[in-house]
Amino acid sequence: MNDIITLLHNKKQAIITELKLGNTINQHLITQLDKAISWLSTIEKYQLDHAKLYDIHSLPDTSHGMSFFHLMIDCESSDPADWVEYTPENKAIEICIGDLVIVKK
């Protein structure tokens, strides 16, 4: 993935060089390249595999006003009283309507 990221960085630099010379024909590609580089860097950081190996869920409107979803550790119990909220670095993850959840198949 790093080779593709480097290729995109190089393409962006070439477009910037063109812009400095007055050629603006590819200027619109800079934002798209930045977006692609950002996403590919995230994929590389988390070592994500092919997209087909993941399910992506958009959290639905709960019809309960501004509600948050909580990520819970069930502690091998079906009783919610035994569950513990997952709080990395002692901070709750505030997941709400429209947020995406990526689950490895």
PDB file of N, CA and C in Angstrom:
ATOM      1  N   MET A   1       0.818  -1.191   0.000  1.00  0.00           N
ATOM      2  CA  MET A   1       0.000   0.000   0.000  1.00  0.00           C
ATOM      3  C   MET A   1       0.867   1.262   0.000  1.00  0.00           C
ATOM      4  N   ASN A   2       2.025   1.164   0.649  1.00  0.00           N
ATOM      5  CA  ASN A   2       2.902   2.342   0.712  1.00  0.00           C
ATOM      6  C   ASN A   2       3.366   2.790  -0.671  1.00  0.00           C
ATOM      7  N   ASP A   3       3.538   1.833  -1.593  1.00  0.00           N
ATOM      8  CA  ASP A   3       3.964   2.199  -2.950  1.00  0.00           C
ATOM      9  C   ASP A   3       2.896   3.043  -3.643  1.00  0.00           C
ATOM     10  N   ILE A   4       1.644   2.686  -3.464  1.00  0.00           N
ATOM     11  CA  ILE A   4       0.548   3.442  -4.076  1.00  0.00           C
ATOM     12  C   ILE A   4       0.435   4.825  -3.430  1.00  0.00           C
ATOM     13  N   ILE A   5       0.583   4.870  -2.115  1.00  0.00           N
ATOM     14  CA  ILE A   5       0.528   6.156  -1.407  1.00  0.00           C
ATOM     15  C   ILE A   5       1.647   7.077  -1.916  1.00  0.00           C
ATOM     16  N   THR A   6       2.841   6.536  -2.070  1.00  0.00           N
ATOM     17  CA  THR A   6       3.966   7.316  -2.590  1.00  0.00           C
ATOM     18  C   THR A   6       3.688   7.790  -4.014  1.00  0.00           C
ATOM     19  N   LEU A   7       3.125   6.913  -4.839  1.00  0.00           N
ATOM     20  CA  LEU A   7       2.765   7.274  -6.210  1.00  0.00           C
ATOM     21  C   LEU A   7       1.780   8.440  -6.229  1.00  0.00           C
ATOM     22  N   LEU A   8       0.786   8.392  -5.350  1.00  0.00           N
ATOM     23  CA  LEU A   8      -0.197   9.475  -5.281  1.00  0.00           C
ATOM     24  C   LEU A   8       0.426  10.779  -4.784  1.00  0.00           C
ATOM     25  N   HIS A   9       1.319  10.679  -3.790  1.00  0.00           N
ATOM     26  CA  HIS A   9       2.044  11.875  -3.315  1.00  0.00           C
ATOM     27  C   HIS A   9       2.844  12.493  -4.461  1.00  0.00           C
ATOM     28  N   ASN A  10       3.510  11.640  -5.233  1.00  0.00           N
ATOM     29  CA  ASN A  10       4.309  12.131  -6.357  1.00  0.00           C
ATOM     30  C   ASN A  10       3.434  12.804  -7.411  1.00  0.00           C
ATOM     31  N   LYS A  11       2.265  12.215  -7.682  1.00  0.00           N
ATOM     32  CA  LYS A  11       1.335  12.811  -8.645  1.00  0.00           C
ATOM     33  C   LYS A  11       0.868  14.172  -8.147  1.00  0.00           C
ATOM     34  N   LYS A  12       0.577  14.267  -6.840  1.00  0.00           N
ATOM     35  CA  LYS A  12       0.153  15.542  -6.259  1.00  0.00           C
ATOM     36  C   LYS A  12       1.259  16.591  -6.413  1.00  0.00           C
ATOM     37  N   GLN A  13       2.496  16.205  -6.127  1.00  0.00           N
ATOM     38  CA  GLN A  13       3.618  17.141  -6.252  1.00  0.00           C
ATOM     39  C   GLN A  13       3.791  17.598  -7.701  1.00  0.00           C
ATOM     40  N   ALA A  14       3.585  16.681  -8.654  1.00  0.00           N
ATOM     41  CA  ALA A  14       3.694  17.042 -10.068  1.00  0.00           C
ATOM     42  C   ALA A  14       2.627  18.069 -10.443  1.00  0.00           C
ATOM     43  N   ILE A  15       1.417  17.894  -9.916  1.00  0.00           N
ATOM     44  CA  ILE A  15       0.336  18.845 -10.188  1.00  0.00           C
ATOM     45  C   ILE A  15       0.650  20.203  -9.561  1.00  0.00           C
ATOM     46  N   ILE A  16       1.202  20.192  -8.357  1.00  0.00           N
ATOM     47  CA  ILE A  16       1.579  21.448  -7.692  1.00  0.00           C
ATOM     48  C   ILE A  16       2.658  22.162  -8.514  1.00  0.00           C
ATOM     49  N   THR A  17       3.606  21.402  -9.043  1.00  0.00           N
ATOM     50  CA  THR A  17       4.634  21.988  -9.896  1.00  0.00           C
ATOM     51  C   THR A  17       4.011  22.607 -11.146  1.00  0.00           C
ATOM     52  N   GLU A  18       3.044  21.888 -11.744  1.00  0.00           N
ATOM     53  CA  GLU A  18       2.325  22.421 -12.913  1.00  0.00           C
ATOM     54  C   GLU A  18       1.612  23.729 -12.567  1.00  0.00           C
ATOM     55  N   LEU A  19       0.992  23.751 -11.387  1.00  0.00           N
ATOM     56  CA  LEU A  19       0.274  24.964 -10.964  1.00  0.00           C
ATOM     57  C   LEU A  19       1.227  26.157 -10.861  1.00  0.00           C
ATOM     58  N   LYS A  20       2.409  25.907 -10.313  1.00  0.00           N
ATOM     59  CA  LYS A  20       3.399  26.985 -10.174  1.00  0.00           C
ATOM     60  C   LYS A  20       3.836  27.524 -11.534  1.00  0.00           C
ATOM     61  N   LEU A  21       3.706  26.685 -12.556  1.00  0.00           N
ATOM     62  CA  LEU A  21       4.073  27.087 -13.915  1.00  0.00           C
ATOM     63  C   LEU A  21       2.885  27.661 -14.684  1.00  0.00           C
ATOM     64  N   GLY A  22       1.732  27.749 -13.994  1.00  0.00           N
ATOM     65  CA  GLY A  22       0.554  28.350 -14.605  1.00  0.00           C
ATOM     66  C   GLY A  22      -0.433  27.380 -15.223  1.00  0.00           C
ATOM     67  N   ASN A  23      -0.138  26.088 -15.191  1.00  0.00           N
ATOM     68  CA  ASN A  23      -1.044  25.084 -15.758  1.00  0.00           C
ATOM     69  C   ASN A  23      -2.031  24.639 -14.682  1.00  0.00           C
ATOM     70  N   THR A  24      -3.285  25.014 -14.834  1.00  0.00           N
ATOM     71  CA  THR A  24      -4.295  24.710 -13.805  1.00  0.00           C
ATOM     72  C   THR A  24      -5.242  23.580 -14.212  1.00  0.00           C
ATOM     73  N   ILE A  25      -4.967  22.892 -15.316  1.00  0.00           N
ATOM     74  CA  ILE A  25      -5.898  21.894 -15.840  1.00  0.00           C
ATOM     75  C   ILE A  25      -6.180  20.751 -14.847  1.00  0.00           C
ATOM     76  N   ASN A  26      -5.201  20.376 -14.033  1.00  0.00           N
ATOM     77  CA  ASN A  26      -5.380  19.264 -13.080  1.00  0.00           C
ATOM     78  C   ASN A  26      -5.559  19.721 -11.637  1.00  0.00           C
ATOM     79  N   GLN A  27      -5.780  20.999 -11.429  1.00  0.00           N
ATOM     80  CA  GLN A  27      -5.897  21.543 -10.076  1.00  0.00           C
ATOM     81  C   GLN A  27      -6.985  20.829  -9.267  1.00  0.00           C
ATOM     82  N   HIS A  28      -8.082  20.480  -9.924  1.00  0.00           N
ATOM     83  CA  HIS A  28      -9.203  19.823  -9.231  1.00  0.00           C
ATOM     84  C   HIS A  28      -8.829  18.455  -8.648  1.00  0.00           C
ATOM     85  N   LEU A  29      -7.744  17.868  -9.139  1.00  0.00           N
ATOM     86  CA  LEU A  29      -7.334  16.547  -8.663  1.00  0.00           C
ATOM     87  C   LEU A  29      -6.660  16.576  -7.294  1.00  0.00           C
ATOM     88  N   ILE A  30      -6.180  17.728  -6.872  1.00  0.00           N
ATOM     89  CA  ILE A  30      -5.448  17.809  -5.605  1.00  0.00           C
ATOM     90  C   ILE A  30      -6.316  17.368  -4.430  1.00  0.00           C
ATOM     91  N   THR A  31      -7.549  17.853  -4.366  1.00  0.00           N
ATOM     92  CA  THR A  31      -8.453  17.469  -3.273  1.00  0.00           C
ATOM     93  C   THR A  31      -8.738  15.974  -3.312  1.00  0.00           C
ATOM     94  N   GLN A  32      -8.945  15.436  -4.510  1.00  0.00           N
ATOM     95  CA  GLN A  32      -9.205  13.999  -4.636  1.00  0.00           C
ATOM     96  C   GLN A  32      -7.989  13.175  -4.234  1.00  0.00           C
ATOM     97  N   LEU A  33      -6.810  13.633  -4.614  1.00  0.00           N
ATOM     98  CA  LEU A  33      -5.588  12.934  -4.223  1.00  0.00           C
ATOM     99  C   LEU A  33      -5.398  12.968  -2.713  1.00  0.00           C
ATOM    100  N   ASP A  34      -5.640  14.126  -2.100  1.00  0.00           N
ATOM    101  CA  ASP A  34      -5.539  14.227  -0.635  1.00  0.00           C
ATOM    102  C   ASP A  34      -6.488  13.243   0.044  1.00  0.00           C
ATOM    103  N   LYS A  35      -7.701  13.160  -0.463  1.00  0.00           N
ATOM    104  CA  LYS A  35      -8.701  12.247   0.115  1.00  0.00           C
ATOM    105  C   LYS A  35      -8.246  10.791  -0.038  1.00  0.00           C
ATOM    106  N   ALA A  36      -7.782  10.435  -1.226  1.00  0.00           N
ATOM    107  CA  ALA A  36      -7.317   9.067  -1.468  1.00  0.00           C
ATOM    108  C   ALA A  36      -6.116   8.727  -0.590  1.00  0.00           C
ATOM    109  N   ILE A  37      -5.172   9.636  -0.488  1.00  0.00           N
ATOM    110  CA  ILE A  37      -3.986   9.416   0.346  1.00  0.00           C
ATOM    111  C   ILE A  37      -4.388   9.240   1.806  1.00  0.00           C
ATOM    112  N   SER A  38      -5.319  10.057   2.269  1.00  0.00           N
ATOM    113  CA  SER A  38      -5.782   9.967   3.649  1.00  0.00           C
ATOM    114  C   SER A  38      -6.409   8.602   3.938  1.00  0.00           C
ATOM    115  N   TRP A  39      -7.309   8.159   3.056  1.00  0.00           N
ATOM    116  CA  TRP A  39      -7.964   6.863   3.264  1.00  0.00           C
ATOM    117  C   TRP A  39      -6.975   5.709   3.149  1.00  0.00           C
ATOM    118  N   LEU A  40      -6.117   5.739   2.156  1.00  0.00           N
ATOM    119  CA  LEU A  40      -5.142   4.658   1.997  1.00  0.00           C
ATOM    120  C   LEU A  40      -4.164   4.616   3.172  1.00  0.00           C
ATOM    121  N   SER A  41      -3.817   5.761   3.715  1.00  0.00           N
ATOM    122  CA  SER A  41      -2.947   5.804   4.901  1.00  0.00           C
ATOM    123  C   SER A  41      -3.646   5.180   6.106  1.00  0.00           C
ATOM    124  N   THR A  42      -4.939   5.410   6.243  1.00  0.00           N
ATOM    125  CA  THR A  42      -5.706   4.799   7.333  1.00  0.00           C
ATOM    126  C   THR A  42      -5.782   3.284   7.150  1.00  0.00           C
ATOM    127  N   ILE A  43      -6.003   2.836   5.928  1.00  0.00           N
ATOM    128  CA  ILE A  43      -6.025   1.397   5.628  1.00  0.00           C
ATOM    129  C   ILE A  43      -4.682   0.773   5.988  1.00  0.00           C
ATOM    130  N   GLU A  44      -3.605   1.444   5.627  1.00  0.00           N
ATOM    131  CA  GLU A  44      -2.267   0.944   5.934  1.00  0.00           C
ATOM    132  C   GLU A  44      -2.022   0.928   7.447  1.00  0.00           C
ATOM    133  N   LYS A  45      -2.413   1.998   8.129  1.00  0.00           N
ATOM    134  CA  LYS A  45      -2.191   2.109   9.583  1.00  0.00           C
ATOM    135  C   LYS A  45      -2.849   0.953  10.334  1.00  0.00           C
ATOM    136  N   TYR A  46      -4.080   0.616   9.939  1.00  0.00           N
ATOM    137  CA  TYR A  46      -4.820  -0.431  10.651  1.00  0.00           C
ATOM    138  C   TYR A  46      -4.705  -1.796   9.982  1.00  0.00           C
ATOM    139  N   GLN A  47      -3.834  -1.873   8.964  1.00  0.00           N
ATOM    140  CA  GLN A  47      -3.595  -3.131   8.258  1.00  0.00           C
ATOM    141  C   GLN A  47      -4.896  -3.802   7.805  1.00  0.00           C
ATOM    142  N   LEU A  48      -5.800  -2.987   7.233  1.00  0.00           N
ATOM    143  CA  LEU A  48      -7.056  -3.523   6.730  1.00  0.00           C
ATOM    144  C   LEU A  48      -6.794  -4.296   5.440  1.00  0.00           C
ATOM    145  N   ASP A  49      -7.569  -5.342   5.243  1.00  0.00           N
ATOM    146  CA  ASP A  49      -7.423  -6.197   4.081  1.00  0.00           C
ATOM    147  C   ASP A  49      -8.384  -5.736   2.986  1.00  0.00           C
ATOM    148  N   HIS A  50      -8.721  -6.588   2.066  1.00  0.00           N
ATOM    149  CA  HIS A  50      -9.660  -6.258   0.990  1.00  0.00           C
ATOM    150  C   HIS A  50     -11.010  -5.837   1.559  1.00  0.00           C
ATOM    151  N   ALA A  51     -11.636  -4.852   0.936  1.00  0.00           N
ATOM    152  CA  ALA A  51     -12.922  -4.320   1.399  1.00  0.00           C
ATOM    153  C   ALA A  51     -13.988  -5.399   1.498  1.00  0.00           C
ATOM    154  N   LYS A  52     -13.934  -6.403   0.626  1.00  0.00           N
ATOM    155  CA  LYS A  52     -14.955  -7.457   0.636  1.00  0.00           C
ATOM    156  C   LYS A  52     -14.904  -8.302   1.908  1.00  0.00           C
ATOM    157  N   LEU A  53     -13.873  -8.147   2.707  1.00  0.00           N
ATOM    158  CA  LEU A  53     -13.747  -8.917   3.949  1.00  0.00           C
ATOM    159  C   LEU A  53     -14.368  -8.203   5.149  1.00  0.00           C
ATOM    160  N   TYR A  54     -15.044  -7.076   4.881  1.00  0.00           N
ATOM    161  CA  TYR A  54     -15.628  -6.290   5.961  1.00  0.00           C
ATOM    162  C   TYR A  54     -17.089  -5.970   5.653  1.00  0.00           C
ATOM    163  N   ASP A  55     -17.885  -5.873   6.700  1.00  0.00           N
ATOM    164  CA  ASP A  55     -19.242  -5.337   6.594  1.00  0.00           C
ATOM    165  C   ASP A  55     -19.200  -3.924   7.156  1.00  0.00           C
ATOM    166  N   ILE A  56     -19.880  -3.017   6.484  1.00  0.00           N
ATOM    167  CA  ILE A  56     -19.950  -1.638   6.952  1.00  0.00           C
ATOM    168  C   ILE A  56     -21.408  -1.333   7.239  1.00  0.00           C
ATOM    169  N   HIS A  57     -21.671  -0.907   8.469  1.00  0.00           N
ATOM    170  CA  HIS A  57     -23.030  -0.613   8.913  1.00  0.00           C
ATOM    171  C   HIS A  57     -23.155   0.872   9.237  1.00  0.00           C
ATOM    172  N   SER A  58     -24.204   1.483   8.742  1.00  0.00           N
ATOM    173  CA  SER A  58     -24.530   2.864   9.102  1.00  0.00           C
ATOM    174  C   SER A  58     -25.574   2.782  10.213  1.00  0.00           C
ATOM    175  N   LEU A  59     -25.278   3.405  11.343  1.00  0.00           N
ATOM    176  CA  LEU A  59     -26.196   3.304  12.479  1.00  0.00           C
ATOM    177  C   LEU A  59     -27.498   4.050  12.186  1.00  0.00           C
ATOM    178  N   PRO A  60     -28.617   3.420  12.500  1.00  0.00           N
ATOM    179  CA  PRO A  60     -29.921   3.977  12.148  1.00  0.00           C
ATOM    180  C   PRO A  60     -30.403   5.052  13.113  1.00  0.00           C
ATOM    181  N   ASP A  61     -31.387   5.783  12.638  1.00  0.00           N
ATOM    182  CA  ASP A  61     -32.089   6.745  13.492  1.00  0.00           C
ATOM    183  C   ASP A  61     -32.906   5.948  14.493  1.00  0.00           C
ATOM    184  N   THR A  62     -32.764   6.251  15.758  1.00  0.00           N
ATOM    185  CA  THR A  62     -33.450   5.493  16.803  1.00  0.00           C
ATOM    186  C   THR A  62     -34.838   6.036  17.120  1.00  0.00           C
ATOM    187  N   SER A  63     -35.191   7.168  16.568  1.00  0.00           N
ATOM    188  CA  SER A  63     -36.466   7.837  16.855  1.00  0.00           C
ATOM    189  C   SER A  63     -36.625   8.170  18.340  1.00  0.00           C
ATOM    190  N   HIS A  64     -35.500   8.297  19.038  1.00  0.00           N
ATOM    191  CA  HIS A  64     -35.518   8.646  20.467  1.00  0.00           C
ATOM    192  C   HIS A  64     -34.751   9.942  20.701  1.00  0.00           C
ATOM    193  N   GLY A  65     -34.832  10.838  19.765  1.00  0.00           N
ATOM    194  CA  GLY A  65     -34.076  12.077  19.909  1.00  0.00           C
ATOM    195  C   GLY A  65     -32.611  11.828  19.662  1.00  0.00           C
ATOM    196  N   MET A  66     -31.775  12.602  20.285  1.00  0.00           N
ATOM    197  CA  MET A  66     -30.330  12.470  20.097  1.00  0.00           C
ATOM    198  C   MET A  66     -29.781  11.418  21.046  1.00  0.00           C
ATOM    199  N   SER A  67     -29.869  10.166  20.638  1.00  0.00           N
ATOM    200  CA  SER A  67     -29.378   9.054  21.455  1.00  0.00           C
ATOM    201  C   SER A  67     -27.990   8.638  20.988  1.00  0.00           C
ATOM    202  N   PHE A  68     -27.212   8.091  21.900  1.00  0.00           N
ATOM    203  CA  PHE A  68     -25.905   7.557  21.574  1.00  0.00           C
ATOM    204  C   PHE A  68     -25.939   6.045  21.693  1.00  0.00           C
ATOM    205  N   PHE A  69     -25.153   5.384  20.884  1.00  0.00           N
ATOM    206  CA  PHE A  69     -24.957   3.942  20.986  1.00  0.00           C
ATOM    207  C   PHE A  69     -23.733   3.737  21.868  1.00  0.00           C
ATOM    208  N   HIS A  70     -23.743   2.688  22.663  1.00  0.00           N
ATOM    209  CA  HIS A  70     -22.615   2.389  23.542  1.00  0.00           C
ATOM    210  C   HIS A  70     -22.002   1.064  23.125  1.00  0.00           C
ATOM    211  N   LEU A  71     -20.680   1.017  23.115  1.00  0.00           N
ATOM    212  CA  LEU A  71     -19.964  -0.201  22.781  1.00  0.00           C
ATOM    213  C   LEU A  71     -19.675  -0.930  24.093  1.00  0.00           C
ATOM    214  N   MET A  72     -20.271  -2.106  24.214  1.00  0.00           N
ATOM    215  CA  MET A  72     -20.205  -2.825  25.486  1.00  0.00           C
ATOM    216  C   MET A  72     -19.407  -4.122  25.368  1.00  0.00           C
ATOM    217  N   ILE A  73     -18.726  -4.473  26.457  1.00  0.00           N
ATOM    218  CA  ILE A  73     -18.072  -5.772  26.603  1.00  0.00           C
ATOM    219  C   ILE A  73     -19.032  -6.606  27.443  1.00  0.00           C
ATOM    220  N   ASP A  74     -19.501  -7.731  26.908  1.00  0.00           N
ATOM    221  CA  ASP A  74     -20.560  -8.479  27.593  1.00  0.00           C
ATOM    222  C   ASP A  74     -20.066  -9.379  28.723  1.00  0.00           C
ATOM    223  N   CYS A  75     -18.761  -9.506  28.886  1.00  0.00           N
ATOM    224  CA  CYS A  75     -18.177 -10.321  29.971  1.00  0.00           C
ATOM    225  C   CYS A  75     -18.777 -11.731  30.014  1.00  0.00           C
ATOM    226  N   GLU A  76     -19.064 -12.252  28.817  1.00  0.00           N
ATOM    227  CA  GLU A  76     -19.636 -13.590  28.659  1.00  0.00           C
ATOM    228  C   GLU A  76     -20.926 -13.763  29.437  1.00  0.00           C
ATOM    229  N   SER A  77     -21.720 -12.712  29.496  1.00  0.00           N
ATOM    230  CA  SER A  77     -22.995 -12.751  30.210  1.00  0.00           C
ATOM    231  C   SER A  77     -24.088 -12.143  29.327  1.00  0.00           C
ATOM    232  N   SER A  78     -25.272 -12.712  29.391  1.00  0.00           N
ATOM    233  CA  SER A  78     -26.406 -12.147  28.656  1.00  0.00           C
ATOM    234  C   SER A  78     -27.145 -11.107  29.498  1.00  0.00           C
ATOM    235  N   ASP A  79     -26.717 -10.924  30.738  1.00  0.00           N
ATOM    236  CA  ASP A  79     -27.342  -9.954  31.629  1.00  0.00           C
ATOM    237  C   ASP A  79     -26.666  -8.592  31.465  1.00  0.00           C
ATOM    238  N   PRO A  80     -27.383  -7.593  30.949  1.00  0.00           N
ATOM    239  CA  PRO A  80     -26.781  -6.269  30.750  1.00  0.00           C
ATOM    240  C   PRO A  80     -26.169  -5.670  32.023  1.00  0.00           C
ATOM    241  N   ALA A  81     -26.624  -6.100  33.182  1.00  0.00           N
ATOM    242  CA  ALA A  81     -26.061  -5.579  34.435  1.00  0.00           C
ATOM    243  C   ALA A  81     -24.587  -5.965  34.586  1.00  0.00           C
ATOM    244  N   ASP A  82     -24.178  -7.034  33.906  1.00  0.00           N
ATOM    245  CA  ASP A  82     -22.792  -7.498  33.991  1.00  0.00           C
ATOM    246  C   ASP A  82     -21.888  -6.863  32.929  1.00  0.00           C
ATOM    247  N   TRP A  83     -22.480  -6.154  32.013  1.00  0.00           N
ATOM    248  CA  TRP A  83     -21.709  -5.600  30.902  1.00  0.00           C
ATOM    249  C   TRP A  83     -20.903  -4.382  31.353  1.00  0.00           C
ATOM    250  N   VAL A  84     -19.806  -4.157  30.652  1.00  0.00           N
ATOM    251  CA  VAL A  84     -18.920  -3.033  30.935  1.00  0.00           C
ATOM    252  C   VAL A  84     -18.740  -2.249  29.638  1.00  0.00           C
ATOM    253  N   GLU A  85     -18.855  -0.936  29.732  1.00  0.00           N
ATOM    254  CA  GLU A  85     -18.683  -0.125  28.534  1.00  0.00           C
ATOM    255  C   GLU A  85     -17.209  -0.087  28.132  1.00  0.00           C
ATOM    256  N   TYR A  86     -16.966  -0.236  26.839  1.00  0.00           N
ATOM    257  CA  TYR A  86     -15.611  -0.129  26.296  1.00  0.00           C
ATOM    258  C   TYR A  86     -15.238   1.345  26.252  1.00  0.00           C
ATOM    259  N   THR A  87     -14.200   1.709  27.005  1.00  0.00           N
ATOM    260  CA  THR A  87     -13.764   3.107  27.080  1.00  0.00           C
ATOM    261  C   THR A  87     -12.240   3.180  26.915  1.00  0.00           C
ATOM    262  N   PRO A  88     -11.774   3.208  25.662  1.00  0.00           N
ATOM    263  CA  PRO A  88     -10.322   3.308  25.477  1.00  0.00           C
ATOM    264  C   PRO A  88      -9.797   4.616  26.047  1.00  0.00           C
ATOM    265  N   GLU A  89      -8.680   4.512  26.758  1.00  0.00           N
ATOM    266  CA  GLU A  89      -8.071   5.669  27.414  1.00  0.00           C
ATOM    267  C   GLU A  89      -9.063   6.382  28.336  1.00  0.00           C
ATOM    268  N   ASN A  90      -9.959   5.612  28.949  1.00  0.00           N
ATOM    269  CA  ASN A  90     -10.981   6.106  29.883  1.00  0.00           C
ATOM    270  C   ASN A  90     -11.909   7.149  29.272  1.00  0.00           C
ATOM    271  N   LYS A  91     -12.119   7.065  27.958  1.00  0.00           N
ATOM    272  CA  LYS A  91     -13.043   7.966  27.277  1.00  0.00           C
ATOM    273  C   LYS A  91     -14.095   7.132  26.560  1.00  0.00           C
ATOM    274  N   ALA A  92     -15.347   7.429  26.826  1.00  0.00           N
ATOM    275  CA  ALA A  92     -16.424   6.731  26.132  1.00  0.00           C
ATOM    276  C   ALA A  92     -16.391   7.109  24.658  1.00  0.00           C
ATOM    277  N   ILE A  93     -16.724   6.152  23.820  1.00  0.00           N
ATOM    278  CA  ILE A  93     -16.829   6.419  22.390  1.00  0.00           C
ATOM    279  C   ILE A  93     -18.275   6.823  22.119  1.00  0.00           C
ATOM    280  N   GLU A  94     -18.480   8.058  21.691  1.00  0.00           N
ATOM    281  CA  GLU A  94     -19.833   8.535  21.422  1.00  0.00           C
ATOM    282  C   GLU A  94     -20.193   8.216  19.983  1.00  0.00           C
ATOM    283  N   ILE A  95     -20.964   7.139  19.818  1.00  0.00           N
ATOM    284  CA  ILE A  95     -21.392   6.695  18.499  1.00  0.00           C
ATOM    285  C   ILE A  95     -22.847   7.109  18.342  1.00  0.00           C
ATOM    286  N   CYS A  96     -23.166   7.769  17.227  1.00  0.00           N
ATOM    287  CA  CYS A  96     -24.550   8.212  17.064  1.00  0.00           C
ATOM    288  C   CYS A  96     -25.056   7.968  15.638  1.00  0.00           C
ATOM    289  N   ILE A  97     -26.280   8.370  15.398  1.00  0.00           N
ATOM    290  CA  ILE A  97     -26.976   8.161  14.145  1.00  0.00           C
ATOM    291  C   ILE A  97     -26.088   8.530  12.962  1.00  0.00           C
ATOM    292  N   GLY A  98     -25.988   7.635  11.996  1.00  0.00           N
ATOM    293  CA  GLY A  98     -25.226   7.899  10.791  1.00  0.00           C
ATOM    294  C   GLY A  98     -23.753   7.529  10.873  1.00  0.00           C
ATOM    295  N   ASP A  99     -23.245   7.282  12.077  1.00  0.00           N
ATOM    296  CA  ASP A  99     -21.851   6.842  12.190  1.00  0.00           C
ATOM    297  C   ASP A  99     -21.703   5.458  11.550  1.00  0.00           C
ATOM    298  N   LEU A 100     -20.507   5.149  11.139  1.00  0.00           N
ATOM    299  CA  LEU A 100     -20.248   3.868  10.492  1.00  0.00           C
ATOM    300  C   LEU A 100     -19.527   2.934  11.444  1.00  0.00           C
ATOM    301  N   VAL A 101     -19.893   1.656  11.372  1.00  0.00           N
ATOM    302  CA  VAL A 101     -19.222   0.607  12.126  1.00  0.00           C
ATOM    303  C   VAL A 101     -18.667  -0.368  11.104  1.00  0.00           C
ATOM    304  N   ILE A 102     -17.363  -0.617  11.150  1.00  0.00           N
ATOM    305  CA  ILE A 102     -16.715  -1.548  10.225  1.00  0.00           C
ATOM    306  C   ILE A 102     -16.433  -2.835  11.003  1.00  0.00           C
ATOM    307  N   VAL A 103     -16.960  -3.952  10.501  1.00  0.00           N
ATOM    308  CA  VAL A 103     -16.824  -5.244  11.177  1.00  0.00           C
ATOM    309  C   VAL A 103     -16.148  -6.226  10.242  1.00  0.00           C
ATOM    310  N   LYS A 104     -15.090  -6.849  10.722  1.00  0.00           N
ATOM    311  CA  LYS A 104     -14.403  -7.877   9.923  1.00  0.00           C
ATOM    312  C   LYS A 104     -15.294  -9.102   9.868  1.00  0.00           C
ATOM    313  N   LYS A 105     -15.468  -9.636   8.653  1.00  0.00           N
ATOM    314  CA  LYS A 105     -16.307 -10.839   8.476  1.00  0.00           C
ATOM    315  C   LYS A 105     -15.640 -12.056   9.054  1.00  0.00           C
TER     316      LYS A 105
END
